Amino acid sequence: FGCAVTTAFGVVNNDAQIKVGQSVLVFGVGGVGINIIQAANLVSATPIVGVDLIEHKLKMGKKFGLTHGFIGGESELKNKICNIVGSRGADVVIETTGNSRVIEQAYDLTHPDGKTILVGVPNKGDNISIYSLPLHFNKILTGSHGGDSVPDIEIPRYIRLIESGKMNLDGLITHE
């Protein structure tokens, strides 16, 4: 609960405020990304698409609610994702890698009325380049500060979810 769970669930509930039936795209299916997928699944987002460089992370993501997974950098990635979420992009795109090029791709794959939430932070000096006009209308680009979570309030809720069988942490720690 120290970071990945509270951040991820906070991103879904507090930052993105994902609604039932919204499409979600997650870049980076590590500890935070898997829990974003799990939280998005709990609020009935659909589809939930993940992108990562490692195939087994995408397979693990499917155990937590990922409906579609793609290897980052594969050919026609944008077209493949848009075939699932719609030609204008996903309602909510969450970027966890901090890679500047991935941040640009995440923003590009966000619906004009959607939200891009940055969880990953690029190295200082790594700039991103985006077309900002959509921000003057309905598109949102924002960063997350730990999901704006309030651990002493939210962790007891998560424990209830685990006890009721609605939330699963099994297999999330892959190595120490």
N, C-alpha and C. Protein backbone atom coordinates (compact mmCIF):
# COMPACT_ATOMS: atom_id res chain seq x y z
N PHE A 1 0.81 -1.20 0.00
CA PHE A 1 0.00 0.00 0.00
C PHE A 1 0.86 1.26 0.00
N GLY A 2 2.13 1.13 0.30
CA GLY A 2 2.98 2.30 0.46
C GLY A 2 3.05 3.22 -0.73
N CYS A 3 2.95 2.69 -1.93
CA CYS A 3 3.05 3.58 -3.09
C CYS A 3 2.17 3.12 -4.23
N ALA A 4 2.45 1.98 -4.79
CA ALA A 4 1.79 1.56 -6.04
C ALA A 4 0.27 1.51 -5.92
N VAL A 5 -0.25 0.92 -4.86
CA VAL A 5 -1.70 0.78 -4.72
C VAL A 5 -2.35 2.12 -4.45
N THR A 6 -1.84 2.86 -3.49
CA THR A 6 -2.48 4.14 -3.14
C THR A 6 -2.37 5.14 -4.29
N THR A 7 -1.23 5.17 -4.96
CA THR A 7 -1.08 6.07 -6.10
C THR A 7 -2.05 5.68 -7.22
N ALA A 8 -2.05 4.40 -7.58
CA ALA A 8 -2.87 3.94 -8.70
C ALA A 8 -4.36 4.15 -8.46
N PHE A 9 -4.83 3.73 -7.31
CA PHE A 9 -6.25 3.89 -7.02
C PHE A 9 -6.60 5.37 -6.90
N GLY A 10 -5.68 6.17 -6.37
CA GLY A 10 -5.90 7.61 -6.30
C GLY A 10 -5.96 8.25 -7.68
N VAL A 11 -5.11 7.79 -8.59
CA VAL A 11 -5.14 8.32 -9.96
C VAL A 11 -6.51 8.05 -10.58
N VAL A 12 -7.01 6.84 -10.43
CA VAL A 12 -8.30 6.48 -11.02
C VAL A 12 -9.45 7.25 -10.37
N ASN A 13 -9.47 7.28 -9.04
CA ASN A 13 -10.60 7.88 -8.32
C ASN A 13 -10.51 9.39 -8.17
N ASN A 14 -9.33 9.92 -7.91
CA ASN A 14 -9.18 11.33 -7.61
C ASN A 14 -8.77 12.17 -8.82
N ASP A 15 -7.72 11.74 -9.52
CA ASP A 15 -7.21 12.53 -10.64
C ASP A 15 -8.05 12.37 -11.90
N ALA A 16 -8.23 11.13 -12.33
CA ALA A 16 -8.95 10.87 -13.59
C ALA A 16 -10.46 10.86 -13.38
N GLN A 17 -10.90 10.49 -12.19
CA GLN A 17 -12.34 10.38 -11.90
C GLN A 17 -13.05 9.60 -13.00
N ILE A 18 -12.53 8.40 -13.27
CA ILE A 18 -13.04 7.55 -14.35
C ILE A 18 -14.48 7.17 -14.07
N LYS A 19 -15.30 7.28 -15.10
CA LYS A 19 -16.71 6.95 -15.02
C LYS A 19 -16.98 5.60 -15.67
N VAL A 20 -18.10 5.00 -15.28
CA VAL A 20 -18.54 3.72 -15.85
C VAL A 20 -18.55 3.81 -17.37
N GLY A 21 -17.94 2.83 -18.02
CA GLY A 21 -17.96 2.74 -19.47
C GLY A 21 -16.94 3.58 -20.20
N GLN A 22 -16.13 4.37 -19.50
CA GLN A 22 -15.10 5.14 -20.19
C GLN A 22 -13.97 4.22 -20.62
N SER A 23 -13.37 4.55 -21.75
CA SER A 23 -12.21 3.81 -22.23
C SER A 23 -10.96 4.33 -21.54
N VAL A 24 -10.07 3.40 -21.20
CA VAL A 24 -8.85 3.73 -20.48
C VAL A 24 -7.66 3.10 -21.19
N LEU A 25 -6.61 3.88 -21.36
CA LEU A 25 -5.37 3.42 -21.94
C LEU A 25 -4.26 3.69 -20.94
N VAL A 26 -3.48 2.65 -20.61
CA VAL A 26 -2.41 2.77 -19.62
C VAL A 26 -1.08 2.46 -20.28
N PHE A 27 -0.16 3.42 -20.22
CA PHE A 27 1.20 3.20 -20.71
C PHE A 27 2.07 2.85 -19.51
N GLY A 28 2.61 1.64 -19.52
CA GLY A 28 3.44 1.13 -18.43
C GLY A 28 2.62 0.26 -17.51
N VAL A 29 2.85 -1.05 -17.59
CA VAL A 29 2.06 -2.01 -16.83
C VAL A 29 2.93 -2.63 -15.73
N GLY A 30 3.56 -1.76 -14.94
CA GLY A 30 4.33 -2.20 -13.79
C GLY A 30 3.45 -2.16 -12.55
N GLY A 31 4.05 -1.94 -11.39
CA GLY A 31 3.31 -1.93 -10.13
C GLY A 31 2.18 -0.91 -10.09
N VAL A 32 2.45 0.30 -10.54
CA VAL A 32 1.41 1.33 -10.56
C VAL A 32 0.42 1.03 -11.68
N GLY A 33 0.92 0.70 -12.85
CA GLY A 33 0.04 0.43 -14.00
C GLY A 33 -0.93 -0.71 -13.78
N ILE A 34 -0.45 -1.80 -13.18
CA ILE A 34 -1.33 -2.95 -12.89
C ILE A 34 -2.45 -2.52 -11.95
N ASN A 35 -2.12 -1.73 -10.95
CA ASN A 35 -3.15 -1.30 -10.00
C ASN A 35 -4.08 -0.26 -10.60
N ILE A 36 -3.60 0.55 -11.55
CA ILE A 36 -4.50 1.44 -12.29
C ILE A 36 -5.50 0.60 -13.06
N ILE A 37 -5.01 -0.46 -13.70
CA ILE A 37 -5.88 -1.37 -14.45
C ILE A 37 -6.92 -1.98 -13.51
N GLN A 38 -6.47 -2.46 -12.36
CA GLN A 38 -7.39 -3.07 -11.39
C GLN A 38 -8.44 -2.07 -10.92
N ALA A 39 -8.03 -0.84 -10.60
CA ALA A 39 -8.97 0.17 -10.13
C ALA A 39 -9.93 0.58 -11.25
N ALA A 40 -9.43 0.71 -12.48
CA ALA A 40 -10.30 1.05 -13.62
C ALA A 40 -11.34 -0.04 -13.85
N ASN A 41 -10.92 -1.28 -13.67
CA ASN A 41 -11.84 -2.41 -13.79
C ASN A 41 -12.92 -2.35 -12.71
N LEU A 42 -12.52 -1.99 -11.49
CA LEU A 42 -13.49 -1.91 -10.39
C LEU A 42 -14.55 -0.83 -10.61
N VAL A 43 -14.21 0.23 -11.35
CA VAL A 43 -15.20 1.28 -11.63
C VAL A 43 -15.88 1.06 -12.98
N SER A 44 -15.71 -0.13 -13.54
CA SER A 44 -16.37 -0.55 -14.78
C SER A 44 -15.97 0.26 -16.01
N ALA A 45 -14.70 0.63 -16.10
CA ALA A 45 -14.20 1.23 -17.33
C ALA A 45 -14.12 0.12 -18.38
N THR A 46 -14.31 0.49 -19.64
CA THR A 46 -14.17 -0.48 -20.72
C THR A 46 -14.06 0.22 -22.06
N PRO A 47 -13.16 -0.21 -22.91
CA PRO A 47 -12.13 -1.20 -22.69
C PRO A 47 -10.99 -0.61 -21.87
N ILE A 48 -10.16 -1.51 -21.35
CA ILE A 48 -8.95 -1.11 -20.63
C ILE A 48 -7.77 -1.67 -21.42
N VAL A 49 -6.99 -0.77 -22.01
CA VAL A 49 -5.90 -1.14 -22.90
C VAL A 49 -4.57 -0.80 -22.23
N GLY A 50 -3.62 -1.71 -22.31
CA GLY A 50 -2.30 -1.48 -21.74
C GLY A 50 -1.22 -1.56 -22.79
N VAL A 51 -0.17 -0.78 -22.60
CA VAL A 51 1.01 -0.80 -23.47
C VAL A 51 2.23 -0.92 -22.59
N ASP A 52 3.07 -1.89 -22.90
CA ASP A 52 4.32 -2.08 -22.16
C ASP A 52 5.34 -2.70 -23.10
N LEU A 53 6.59 -2.68 -22.72
CA LEU A 53 7.65 -3.28 -23.53
C LEU A 53 7.82 -4.77 -23.24
N ILE A 54 7.23 -5.24 -22.14
CA ILE A 54 7.45 -6.62 -21.70
C ILE A 54 6.15 -7.40 -21.77
N GLU A 55 6.16 -8.46 -22.56
CA GLU A 55 4.97 -9.27 -22.82
C GLU A 55 4.35 -9.85 -21.55
N HIS A 56 5.16 -10.37 -20.62
CA HIS A 56 4.57 -11.01 -19.44
C HIS A 56 3.84 -10.01 -18.54
N LYS A 57 4.22 -8.74 -18.60
CA LYS A 57 3.48 -7.73 -17.84
C LYS A 57 2.07 -7.56 -18.40
N LEU A 58 1.96 -7.62 -19.72
CA LEU A 58 0.64 -7.52 -20.35
C LEU A 58 -0.21 -8.75 -20.01
N LYS A 59 0.42 -9.92 -19.97
CA LYS A 59 -0.31 -11.13 -19.59
C LYS A 59 -0.79 -11.03 -18.14
N MET A 60 0.06 -10.51 -17.27
CA MET A 60 -0.33 -10.33 -15.88
C MET A 60 -1.46 -9.31 -15.78
N GLY A 61 -1.39 -8.26 -16.58
CA GLY A 61 -2.41 -7.23 -16.59
C GLY A 61 -3.80 -7.78 -16.87
N LYS A 62 -3.87 -8.82 -17.68
CA LYS A 62 -5.17 -9.43 -18.00
C LYS A 62 -5.81 -10.07 -16.78
N LYS A 63 -5.00 -10.49 -15.82
CA LYS A 63 -5.54 -11.05 -14.57
C LYS A 63 -6.18 -9.97 -13.70
N PHE A 64 -5.85 -8.71 -13.97
CA PHE A 64 -6.33 -7.60 -13.16
C PHE A 64 -7.34 -6.72 -13.89
N GLY A 65 -7.75 -7.13 -15.11
CA GLY A 65 -8.79 -6.40 -15.82
C GLY A 65 -8.41 -5.82 -17.17
N LEU A 66 -7.17 -6.00 -17.59
CA LEU A 66 -6.76 -5.51 -18.90
C LEU A 66 -7.53 -6.26 -19.98
N THR A 67 -8.16 -5.52 -20.89
CA THR A 67 -8.91 -6.18 -21.96
C THR A 67 -8.07 -6.38 -23.21
N HIS A 68 -7.09 -5.50 -23.43
CA HIS A 68 -6.22 -5.58 -24.60
C HIS A 68 -4.82 -5.11 -24.19
N GLY A 69 -3.81 -5.76 -24.74
CA GLY A 69 -2.43 -5.37 -24.44
C GLY A 69 -1.59 -5.31 -25.69
N PHE A 70 -0.69 -4.33 -25.74
CA PHE A 70 0.19 -4.16 -26.89
C PHE A 70 1.61 -3.90 -26.42
N ILE A 71 2.55 -4.37 -27.22
CA ILE A 71 3.96 -4.10 -26.98
C ILE A 71 4.27 -2.70 -27.51
N GLY A 72 4.85 -1.86 -26.66
CA GLY A 72 5.21 -0.51 -27.07
C GLY A 72 6.17 -0.54 -28.24
N GLY A 73 5.97 0.34 -29.19
CA GLY A 73 6.85 0.44 -30.35
C GLY A 73 6.49 -0.48 -31.50
N GLU A 74 5.49 -1.36 -31.30
CA GLU A 74 5.13 -2.24 -32.42
C GLU A 74 4.50 -1.41 -33.53
N SER A 75 4.57 -1.93 -34.74
CA SER A 75 4.08 -1.18 -35.90
C SER A 75 2.57 -0.97 -35.81
N GLU A 76 2.15 0.18 -36.31
CA GLU A 76 0.73 0.51 -36.37
C GLU A 76 0.07 0.55 -34.99
N LEU A 77 0.86 0.85 -33.94
CA LEU A 77 0.32 0.84 -32.57
C LEU A 77 -0.87 1.80 -32.43
N LYS A 78 -0.73 3.00 -32.93
CA LYS A 78 -1.81 3.98 -32.81
C LYS A 78 -3.09 3.45 -33.46
N ASN A 79 -2.98 2.91 -34.67
CA ASN A 79 -4.15 2.38 -35.37
C ASN A 79 -4.78 1.21 -34.61
N LYS A 80 -3.95 0.34 -34.07
CA LYS A 80 -4.47 -0.81 -33.33
C LYS A 80 -5.23 -0.36 -32.08
N ILE A 81 -4.69 0.63 -31.38
CA ILE A 81 -5.36 1.14 -30.18
C ILE A 81 -6.66 1.84 -30.56
N CYS A 82 -6.62 2.67 -31.60
CA CYS A 82 -7.82 3.40 -32.02
C CYS A 82 -8.91 2.46 -32.53
N ASN A 83 -8.52 1.31 -33.07
CA ASN A 83 -9.53 0.32 -33.48
C ASN A 83 -10.30 -0.21 -32.28
N ILE A 84 -9.71 -0.13 -31.10
CA ILE A 84 -10.36 -0.62 -29.88
C ILE A 84 -11.09 0.50 -29.15
N VAL A 85 -10.44 1.65 -28.97
CA VAL A 85 -11.01 2.73 -28.15
C VAL A 85 -11.82 3.73 -28.95
N GLY A 86 -11.70 3.69 -30.26
CA GLY A 86 -12.38 4.66 -31.12
C GLY A 86 -11.37 5.52 -31.84
N SER A 87 -11.73 5.98 -33.00
CA SER A 87 -10.79 6.70 -33.87
C SER A 87 -10.28 8.00 -33.28
N ARG A 88 -11.00 8.58 -32.33
CA ARG A 88 -10.58 9.86 -31.75
C ARG A 88 -9.72 9.69 -30.50
N GLY A 89 -9.54 8.46 -30.05
CA GLY A 89 -8.68 8.20 -28.90
C GLY A 89 -9.46 7.78 -27.67
N ALA A 90 -8.72 7.44 -26.61
CA ALA A 90 -9.31 6.96 -25.37
C ALA A 90 -9.82 8.12 -24.53
N ASP A 91 -10.83 7.84 -23.70
CA ASP A 91 -11.38 8.85 -22.80
C ASP A 91 -10.36 9.29 -21.76
N VAL A 92 -9.63 8.31 -21.22
CA VAL A 92 -8.62 8.59 -20.20
C VAL A 92 -7.35 7.82 -20.58
N VAL A 93 -6.24 8.55 -20.64
CA VAL A 93 -4.95 7.92 -20.91
C VAL A 93 -4.04 8.24 -19.74
N ILE A 94 -3.46 7.19 -19.15
CA ILE A 94 -2.60 7.36 -17.99
C ILE A 94 -1.20 6.87 -18.34
N GLU A 95 -0.22 7.73 -18.16
CA GLU A 95 1.16 7.46 -18.53
C GLU A 95 1.98 7.28 -17.26
N THR A 96 2.63 6.10 -17.11
CA THR A 96 3.39 5.81 -15.89
C THR A 96 4.89 5.69 -16.12
N THR A 97 5.35 5.79 -17.37
CA THR A 97 6.76 5.50 -17.64
C THR A 97 7.69 6.69 -17.43
N GLY A 98 7.20 7.90 -17.64
CA GLY A 98 8.06 9.07 -17.57
C GLY A 98 8.91 9.29 -18.80
N ASN A 99 8.74 8.46 -19.81
CA ASN A 99 9.48 8.61 -21.06
C ASN A 99 8.83 9.72 -21.89
N SER A 100 9.60 10.70 -22.29
CA SER A 100 9.06 11.87 -22.99
C SER A 100 8.32 11.50 -24.27
N ARG A 101 8.86 10.56 -25.04
CA ARG A 101 8.19 10.15 -26.28
C ARG A 101 6.88 9.42 -25.99
N VAL A 102 6.87 8.66 -24.91
CA VAL A 102 5.64 7.95 -24.53
C VAL A 102 4.59 8.95 -24.04
N ILE A 103 5.01 9.97 -23.31
CA ILE A 103 4.09 11.02 -22.87
C ILE A 103 3.44 11.68 -24.09
N GLU A 104 4.23 11.99 -25.11
CA GLU A 104 3.69 12.58 -26.33
C GLU A 104 2.67 11.65 -26.99
N GLN A 105 3.01 10.37 -27.02
CA GLN A 105 2.12 9.37 -27.62
C GLN A 105 0.83 9.26 -26.81
N ALA A 106 0.94 9.30 -25.49
CA ALA A 106 -0.23 9.21 -24.62
C ALA A 106 -1.17 10.39 -24.89
N TYR A 107 -0.63 11.58 -24.97
CA TYR A 107 -1.42 12.79 -25.24
C TYR A 107 -2.09 12.67 -26.61
N ASP A 108 -1.34 12.20 -27.60
CA ASP A 108 -1.86 12.06 -28.96
C ASP A 108 -3.01 11.06 -29.02
N LEU A 109 -2.99 10.05 -28.16
CA LEU A 109 -4.03 9.01 -28.16
C LEU A 109 -5.20 9.32 -27.23
N THR A 110 -5.22 10.53 -26.69
CA THR A 110 -6.32 10.95 -25.82
C THR A 110 -7.39 11.64 -26.66
N HIS A 111 -8.64 11.26 -26.43
CA HIS A 111 -9.79 11.86 -27.11
C HIS A 111 -9.77 13.38 -26.91
N PRO A 112 -10.25 14.17 -27.89
CA PRO A 112 -10.27 15.63 -27.73
C PRO A 112 -11.03 16.11 -26.49
N ASP A 113 -11.96 15.32 -25.98
CA ASP A 113 -12.67 15.66 -24.74
C ASP A 113 -12.16 14.84 -23.56
N GLY A 114 -10.98 14.22 -23.72
CA GLY A 114 -10.48 13.30 -22.70
C GLY A 114 -9.41 13.90 -21.81
N LYS A 115 -8.86 13.02 -20.97
CA LYS A 115 -7.85 13.41 -19.99
C LYS A 115 -6.59 12.58 -20.19
N THR A 116 -5.45 13.25 -20.17
CA THR A 116 -4.15 12.58 -20.11
C THR A 116 -3.60 12.86 -18.71
N ILE A 117 -3.34 11.80 -17.96
CA ILE A 117 -2.81 11.93 -16.61
C ILE A 117 -1.37 11.41 -16.61
N LEU A 118 -0.45 12.25 -16.20
CA LEU A 118 0.96 11.86 -16.15
C LEU A 118 1.31 11.45 -14.73
N VAL A 119 1.69 10.19 -14.58
CA VAL A 119 2.16 9.68 -13.29
C VAL A 119 3.68 9.61 -13.33
N GLY A 120 4.23 9.11 -14.43
CA GLY A 120 5.67 9.07 -14.61
C GLY A 120 6.22 10.46 -14.86
N VAL A 121 7.44 10.70 -14.40
CA VAL A 121 8.06 12.02 -14.53
C VAL A 121 9.33 11.88 -15.38
N PRO A 122 9.43 12.66 -16.46
CA PRO A 122 10.65 12.59 -17.28
C PRO A 122 11.85 13.14 -16.53
N ASN A 123 13.02 12.76 -16.97
CA ASN A 123 14.24 13.33 -16.41
C ASN A 123 14.26 14.83 -16.69
N LYS A 124 14.84 15.57 -15.77
CA LYS A 124 14.95 17.01 -15.95
C LYS A 124 15.68 17.29 -17.26
N GLY A 125 15.14 18.17 -18.06
CA GLY A 125 15.74 18.49 -19.35
C GLY A 125 15.14 17.72 -20.51
N ASP A 126 14.42 16.62 -20.22
CA ASP A 126 13.73 15.88 -21.28
C ASP A 126 12.42 16.61 -21.57
N ASN A 127 12.36 17.25 -22.70
CA ASN A 127 11.19 18.03 -23.06
C ASN A 127 10.18 17.19 -23.81
N ILE A 128 8.92 17.62 -23.74
CA ILE A 128 7.88 16.99 -24.54
C ILE A 128 7.37 18.03 -25.52
N SER A 129 6.88 17.55 -26.65
CA SER A 129 6.32 18.43 -27.66
C SER A 129 4.90 17.97 -27.95
N ILE A 130 3.93 18.86 -27.74
CA ILE A 130 2.53 18.54 -27.99
C ILE A 130 1.87 19.68 -28.75
N TYR A 131 0.77 19.36 -29.40
CA TYR A 131 -0.07 20.36 -30.04
C TYR A 131 -1.07 20.80 -28.98
N SER A 132 -0.94 22.04 -28.50
CA SER A 132 -1.68 22.47 -27.32
C SER A 132 -3.08 23.03 -27.58
N LEU A 133 -3.45 23.27 -28.83
CA LEU A 133 -4.76 23.86 -29.10
C LEU A 133 -5.91 23.10 -28.43
N PRO A 134 -5.93 21.76 -28.44
CA PRO A 134 -7.04 21.05 -27.79
C PRO A 134 -7.19 21.38 -26.29
N LEU A 135 -6.10 21.84 -25.65
CA LEU A 135 -6.17 22.20 -24.24
C LEU A 135 -7.02 23.46 -24.01
N HIS A 136 -7.21 24.23 -25.05
CA HIS A 136 -8.02 25.45 -24.96
C HIS A 136 -9.52 25.12 -25.07
N PHE A 137 -9.81 23.88 -25.36
CA PHE A 137 -11.20 23.44 -25.47
C PHE A 137 -11.48 22.47 -24.33
N ASN A 138 -11.59 21.18 -24.59
CA ASN A 138 -11.97 20.24 -23.52
C ASN A 138 -10.90 19.24 -23.11
N LYS A 139 -9.82 19.15 -23.86
CA LYS A 139 -8.79 18.17 -23.53
C LYS A 139 -8.04 18.61 -22.28
N ILE A 140 -7.70 17.64 -21.43
CA ILE A 140 -7.00 17.93 -20.18
C ILE A 140 -5.68 17.17 -20.16
N LEU A 141 -4.63 17.86 -19.79
CA LEU A 141 -3.31 17.26 -19.56
C LEU A 141 -2.88 17.69 -18.18
N THR A 142 -2.66 16.72 -17.30
CA THR A 142 -2.29 17.06 -15.93
C THR A 142 -1.34 16.01 -15.36
N GLY A 143 -0.65 16.40 -14.33
CA GLY A 143 0.22 15.47 -13.61
C GLY A 143 -0.44 15.03 -12.32
N SER A 144 0.00 13.89 -11.83
CA SER A 144 -0.54 13.35 -10.59
C SER A 144 0.52 13.43 -9.50
N HIS A 145 0.11 13.78 -8.32
CA HIS A 145 0.99 13.77 -7.16
C HIS A 145 0.54 12.63 -6.25
N GLY A 146 1.01 11.45 -6.56
CA GLY A 146 0.66 10.28 -5.74
C GLY A 146 -0.83 9.95 -5.75
N GLY A 147 -1.51 10.37 -6.82
CA GLY A 147 -2.94 10.10 -6.91
C GLY A 147 -3.77 10.94 -5.95
N ASP A 148 -3.14 11.96 -5.36
CA ASP A 148 -3.82 12.78 -4.35
C ASP A 148 -4.50 11.90 -3.31
N SER A 149 -3.85 10.80 -3.01
CA SER A 149 -4.45 9.86 -2.05
C SER A 149 -4.30 10.34 -0.61
N VAL A 150 -5.23 9.91 0.21
CA VAL A 150 -5.22 10.18 1.64
C VAL A 150 -5.18 8.80 2.31
N PRO A 151 -3.97 8.27 2.52
CA PRO A 151 -3.81 6.89 2.96
C PRO A 151 -4.63 6.48 4.18
N ASP A 152 -4.72 7.32 5.19
CA ASP A 152 -5.44 6.90 6.40
C ASP A 152 -6.94 6.76 6.15
N ILE A 153 -7.46 7.37 5.11
CA ILE A 153 -8.87 7.19 4.74
C ILE A 153 -9.03 6.08 3.72
N GLU A 154 -8.13 6.05 2.73
CA GLU A 154 -8.30 5.14 1.60
C GLU A 154 -7.82 3.72 1.87
N ILE A 155 -6.75 3.53 2.60
CA ILE A 155 -6.25 2.17 2.84
C ILE A 155 -7.30 1.30 3.53
N PRO A 156 -8.03 1.77 4.54
CA PRO A 156 -9.09 0.92 5.10
C PRO A 156 -10.14 0.52 4.06
N ARG A 157 -10.43 1.39 3.10
CA ARG A 157 -11.36 1.04 2.01
C ARG A 157 -10.79 -0.10 1.17
N TYR A 158 -9.50 0.00 0.87
CA TYR A 158 -8.86 -1.03 0.06
C TYR A 158 -8.83 -2.37 0.79
N ILE A 159 -8.61 -2.31 2.09
CA ILE A 159 -8.63 -3.54 2.88
C ILE A 159 -10.01 -4.19 2.80
N ARG A 160 -11.07 -3.39 2.86
CA ARG A 160 -12.43 -3.93 2.72
C ARG A 160 -12.61 -4.58 1.34
N LEU A 161 -12.06 -3.95 0.31
CA LEU A 161 -12.15 -4.53 -1.03
C LEU A 161 -11.44 -5.87 -1.10
N ILE A 162 -10.28 -5.97 -0.47
CA ILE A 162 -9.54 -7.23 -0.45
C ILE A 162 -10.33 -8.29 0.31
N GLU A 163 -10.83 -7.92 1.48
CA GLU A 163 -11.59 -8.87 2.30
C GLU A 163 -12.86 -9.35 1.60
N SER A 164 -13.45 -8.51 0.77
CA SER A 164 -14.67 -8.91 0.05
C SER A 164 -14.37 -9.65 -1.25
N GLY A 165 -13.08 -9.77 -1.60
CA GLY A 165 -12.69 -10.48 -2.81
C GLY A 165 -12.77 -9.64 -4.08
N LYS A 166 -12.99 -8.34 -3.95
CA LYS A 166 -13.11 -7.47 -5.12
C LYS A 166 -11.77 -6.91 -5.58
N MET A 167 -10.78 -6.95 -4.71
CA MET A 167 -9.45 -6.44 -5.03
C MET A 167 -8.44 -7.54 -4.74
N ASN A 168 -7.41 -7.63 -5.59
CA ASN A 168 -6.44 -8.70 -5.47
C ASN A 168 -5.03 -8.13 -5.53
N LEU A 169 -4.20 -8.53 -4.60
CA LEU A 169 -2.80 -8.12 -4.62
C LEU A 169 -1.87 -9.30 -4.88
N ASP A 170 -2.44 -10.48 -5.08
CA ASP A 170 -1.64 -11.69 -5.30
C ASP A 170 -0.79 -11.56 -6.56
N GLY A 171 0.49 -11.83 -6.42
CA GLY A 171 1.40 -11.84 -7.55
C GLY A 171 1.95 -10.48 -7.95
N LEU A 172 1.56 -9.43 -7.24
CA LEU A 172 2.05 -8.11 -7.62
C LEU A 172 3.53 -7.90 -7.30
N ILE A 173 4.00 -8.51 -6.24
CA ILE A 173 5.44 -8.42 -5.93
C ILE A 173 6.11 -9.56 -6.66
N THR A 174 6.89 -9.21 -7.69
CA THR A 174 7.53 -10.23 -8.50
C THR A 174 8.96 -10.53 -8.07
N HIS A 175 9.60 -9.57 -7.38
CA HIS A 175 10.95 -9.79 -6.87
C HIS A 175 11.29 -8.72 -5.83
N GLU A 176 12.29 -9.01 -5.02
CA GLU A 176 12.74 -8.05 -4.00
C GLU A 176 14.22 -7.83 -4.18
